[in-house]
Amino acid sequence: MSCACRATLLLGAVMQASPESHAEAEDRVAFDMHEAWCALMGHEEHGPCMKHRVMQELRDADDSQIGERMALIDEQVSQERGEAQSWEMHDWWCGGKEASEAVAGSALRRYCDGWAEH
């Protein structure tokens, strides 16, 4: 097989994998954001932090177990308050120096640009 043919096949494989790779990379950004925000003093009882903890604890659980735990959190933190906390977390993360200096097309830039469109 010629070099050009191998390069074309490799490029095709990369392009097909890109959407999934982008999604996985953006999931990592969201995970890192939650980890950093939720580690700050006073945030452990924020709705997004409690839900993040549940998702980590019950990673391999079935949907009904996760749903039950999420419902308990929803009883503790109103939807309005949880949304406000989520906005605050995203504004903090995407308004930081690292995000503002992120390279165009990077997972961090894509994630924050997507958030800005909300």
C-alpha atoms as a PDB file:
ATOM      1  CA  MET A   1       0.000   0.000   0.000  1.00  0.00           C
ATOM      2  CA  SER A   2       1.357   3.404  -0.912  1.00  0.00           C
ATOM      3  CA  CYS A   3       2.187   6.024   1.682  1.00  0.00           C
ATOM      4  CA  ALA A   4      -0.524   8.343   0.341  1.00  0.00           C
ATOM      5  CA  CYS A   5      -3.123   5.583   0.587  1.00  0.00           C
ATOM      6  CA  ARG A   6      -2.134   4.787   4.184  1.00  0.00           C
ATOM      7  CA  ALA A   7      -2.268   8.469   5.079  1.00  0.00           C
ATOM      8  CA  THR A   8      -5.745   8.763   3.552  1.00  0.00           C
ATOM      9  CA  LEU A   9      -6.965   5.732   5.510  1.00  0.00           C
ATOM     10  CA  LEU A  10      -5.431   7.072   8.709  1.00  0.00           C
ATOM     11  CA  LEU A  11      -6.971  10.505   8.184  1.00  0.00           C
ATOM     12  CA  GLY A  12     -10.359   8.893   7.531  1.00  0.00           C
ATOM     13  CA  ALA A  13     -10.084   6.874  10.747  1.00  0.00           C
ATOM     14  CA  VAL A  14      -9.132   9.974  12.725  1.00  0.00           C
ATOM     15  CA  MET A  15     -11.994  11.984  11.259  1.00  0.00           C
ATOM     16  CA  GLN A  16     -14.490   9.233  12.058  1.00  0.00           C
ATOM     17  CA  ALA A  17     -13.176   9.019  15.615  1.00  0.00           C
ATOM     18  CA  SER A  18     -13.104  12.791  16.108  1.00  0.00           C
ATOM     19  CA  PRO A  19     -16.720  13.356  17.184  1.00  0.00           C
ATOM     20  CA  GLU A  20     -16.454  10.681  19.859  1.00  0.00           C
ATOM     21  CA  SER A  21     -13.004  11.869  20.863  1.00  0.00           C
ATOM     22  CA  HIS A  22     -14.268  15.444  21.082  1.00  0.00           C
ATOM     23  CA  ALA A  23     -17.198  14.343  23.232  1.00  0.00           C
ATOM     24  CA  GLU A  24     -14.915  12.356  25.515  1.00  0.00           C
ATOM     25  CA  ALA A  25     -12.498  15.274  25.801  1.00  0.00           C
ATOM     26  CA  GLU A  26     -15.333  17.666  26.650  1.00  0.00           C
ATOM     27  CA  ASP A  27     -16.637  15.166  29.222  1.00  0.00           C
ATOM     28  CA  ARG A  28     -13.160  15.281  30.802  1.00  0.00           C
ATOM     29  CA  VAL A  29     -13.349  19.105  30.898  1.00  0.00           C
ATOM     30  CA  ALA A  30     -16.746  18.914  32.621  1.00  0.00           C
ATOM     31  CA  PHE A  31     -15.387  16.342  35.085  1.00  0.00           C
ATOM     32  CA  ASP A  32     -12.338  18.499  35.857  1.00  0.00           C
ATOM     33  CA  MET A  33     -14.552  21.567  36.297  1.00  0.00           C
ATOM     34  CA  HIS A  34     -16.771  19.740  38.797  1.00  0.00           C
ATOM     35  CA  GLU A  35     -13.761  18.358  40.665  1.00  0.00           C
ATOM     36  CA  ALA A  36     -12.166  21.809  40.984  1.00  0.00           C
ATOM     37  CA  TRP A  37     -15.374  23.679  41.863  1.00  0.00           C
ATOM     38  CA  CYS A  38     -16.644  21.100  44.307  1.00  0.00           C
ATOM     39  CA  ALA A  39     -13.298  21.005  46.134  1.00  0.00           C
ATOM     40  CA  LEU A  40     -13.711  24.673  47.079  1.00  0.00           C
ATOM     41  CA  MET A  41     -14.854  25.354  50.629  1.00  0.00           C
ATOM     42  CA  GLY A  42     -18.610  25.625  50.926  1.00  0.00           C
ATOM     43  CA  HIS A  43     -19.496  23.960  47.640  1.00  0.00           C
ATOM     44  CA  GLU A  44     -19.924  20.395  48.874  1.00  0.00           C
ATOM     45  CA  GLU A  45     -23.645  20.985  49.413  1.00  0.00           C
ATOM     46  CA  HIS A  46     -24.211  22.624  46.026  1.00  0.00           C
ATOM     47  CA  GLY A  47     -26.620  20.660  43.878  1.00  0.00           C
ATOM     48  CA  PRO A  48     -24.160  20.190  40.990  1.00  0.00           C
ATOM     49  CA  CYS A  49     -21.526  18.913  43.437  1.00  0.00           C
ATOM     50  CA  MET A  50     -23.856  16.481  45.157  1.00  0.00           C
ATOM     51  CA  LYS A  51     -24.997  15.160  41.756  1.00  0.00           C
ATOM     52  CA  HIS A  52     -21.393  14.874  40.571  1.00  0.00           C
ATOM     53  CA  ARG A  53     -20.546  12.820  43.688  1.00  0.00           C
ATOM     54  CA  VAL A  54     -23.525  10.539  43.085  1.00  0.00           C
ATOM     55  CA  MET A  55     -22.493   9.976  39.491  1.00  0.00           C
ATOM     56  CA  GLN A  56     -18.983   9.011  40.624  1.00  0.00           C
ATOM     57  CA  GLU A  57     -20.213   6.767  43.427  1.00  0.00           C
ATOM     58  CA  LEU A  58     -22.825   5.031  41.292  1.00  0.00           C
ATOM     59  CA  ARG A  59     -20.865   4.899  38.032  1.00  0.00           C
ATOM     60  CA  ASP A  60     -21.789   1.257  37.501  1.00  0.00           C
ATOM     61  CA  ALA A  61     -25.269   1.376  39.050  1.00  0.00           C
ATOM     62  CA  ASP A  62     -28.502   1.051  37.143  1.00  0.00           C
ATOM     63  CA  ASP A  63     -30.563   4.082  36.176  1.00  0.00           C
ATOM     64  CA  SER A  64     -33.153   3.526  38.905  1.00  0.00           C
ATOM     65  CA  GLN A  65     -30.533   3.769  41.674  1.00  0.00           C
ATOM     66  CA  ILE A  66     -29.114   6.940  40.175  1.00  0.00           C
ATOM     67  CA  GLY A  67     -32.599   8.383  39.701  1.00  0.00           C
ATOM     68  CA  GLU A  68     -33.499   7.736  43.338  1.00  0.00           C
ATOM     69  CA  ARG A  69     -30.378   9.529  44.586  1.00  0.00           C
ATOM     70  CA  MET A  70     -30.884  12.438  42.180  1.00  0.00           C
ATOM     71  CA  ALA A  71     -34.474  12.812  43.391  1.00  0.00           C
ATOM     72  CA  LEU A  72     -33.223  13.089  46.977  1.00  0.00           C
ATOM     73  CA  ILE A  73     -30.863  15.869  45.924  1.00  0.00           C
ATOM     74  CA  ASP A  74     -33.687  17.611  44.063  1.00  0.00           C
ATOM     75  CA  GLU A  75     -35.645  17.621  47.324  1.00  0.00           C
ATOM     76  CA  GLN A  76     -32.725  19.317  49.099  1.00  0.00           C
ATOM     77  CA  VAL A  77     -31.790  21.832  46.400  1.00  0.00           C
ATOM     78  CA  SER A  78     -34.529  23.542  44.411  1.00  0.00           C
ATOM     79  CA  GLN A  79     -34.260  23.440  40.634  1.00  0.00           C
ATOM     80  CA  GLU A  80     -33.858  27.220  40.583  1.00  0.00           C
ATOM     81  CA  ARG A  81     -31.029  27.125  43.137  1.00  0.00           C
ATOM     82  CA  GLY A  82     -29.306  24.202  41.427  1.00  0.00           C
ATOM     83  CA  GLU A  83     -29.404  25.983  38.075  1.00  0.00           C
ATOM     84  CA  ALA A  84     -27.988  29.156  39.646  1.00  0.00           C
ATOM     85  CA  GLN A  85     -25.179  27.118  41.210  1.00  0.00           C
ATOM     86  CA  SER A  86     -24.470  25.463  37.867  1.00  0.00           C
ATOM     87  CA  TRP A  87     -24.287  28.859  36.122  1.00  0.00           C
ATOM     88  CA  GLU A  88     -21.957  30.123  38.833  1.00  0.00           C
ATOM     89  CA  MET A  89     -19.681  27.094  38.448  1.00  0.00           C
ATOM     90  CA  HIS A  90     -19.547  27.367  34.662  1.00  0.00           C
ATOM     91  CA  ASP A  91     -18.940  31.127  34.761  1.00  0.00           C
ATOM     92  CA  TRP A  92     -16.091  30.562  37.235  1.00  0.00           C
ATOM     93  CA  TRP A  93     -14.514  27.812  35.140  1.00  0.00           C
ATOM     94  CA  CYS A  94     -14.967  29.359  31.714  1.00  0.00           C
ATOM     95  CA  GLY A  95     -14.118  32.853  32.953  1.00  0.00           C
ATOM     96  CA  GLY A  96     -10.743  31.767  34.295  1.00  0.00           C
ATOM     97  CA  LYS A  97      -7.365  32.476  32.757  1.00  0.00           C
ATOM     98  CA  GLU A  98      -6.841  28.925  31.517  1.00  0.00           C
ATOM     99  CA  ALA A  99     -10.134  28.933  29.624  1.00  0.00           C
ATOM    100  CA  SER A 100      -9.643  32.419  28.212  1.00  0.00           C
ATOM    101  CA  GLU A 101      -6.204  31.434  26.921  1.00  0.00           C
ATOM    102  CA  ALA A 102      -7.258  27.996  25.649  1.00  0.00           C
ATOM    103  CA  VAL A 103      -6.292  27.228  22.080  1.00  0.00           C
ATOM    104  CA  ALA A 104      -9.090  27.475  19.545  1.00  0.00           C
ATOM    105  CA  GLY A 105     -10.477  24.011  18.905  1.00  0.00           C
ATOM    106  CA  SER A 106      -9.234  22.586  22.215  1.00  0.00           C
ATOM    107  CA  ALA A 107     -11.665  20.658  24.374  1.00  0.00           C
ATOM    108  CA  LEU A 108     -11.678  23.438  26.968  1.00  0.00           C
ATOM    109  CA  ARG A 109     -12.382  26.120  24.367  1.00  0.00           C
ATOM    110  CA  ARG A 110     -15.136  24.019  22.709  1.00  0.00           C
ATOM    111  CA  TYR A 111     -16.726  23.304  26.090  1.00  0.00           C
ATOM    112  CA  CYS A 112     -16.699  26.940  27.200  1.00  0.00           C
ATOM    113  CA  ASP A 113     -17.793  28.242  23.800  1.00  0.00           C
ATOM    114  CA  GLY A 114     -20.710  25.806  23.951  1.00  0.00           C
ATOM    115  CA  TRP A 115     -21.568  26.986  27.443  1.00  0.00           C
ATOM    116  CA  ALA A 116     -21.427  30.624  26.330  1.00  0.00           C
ATOM    117  CA  GLU A 117     -24.089  29.834  23.727  1.00  0.00           C
ATOM    118  CA  HIS A 118     -26.543  28.905  26.483  1.00  0.00           C
END
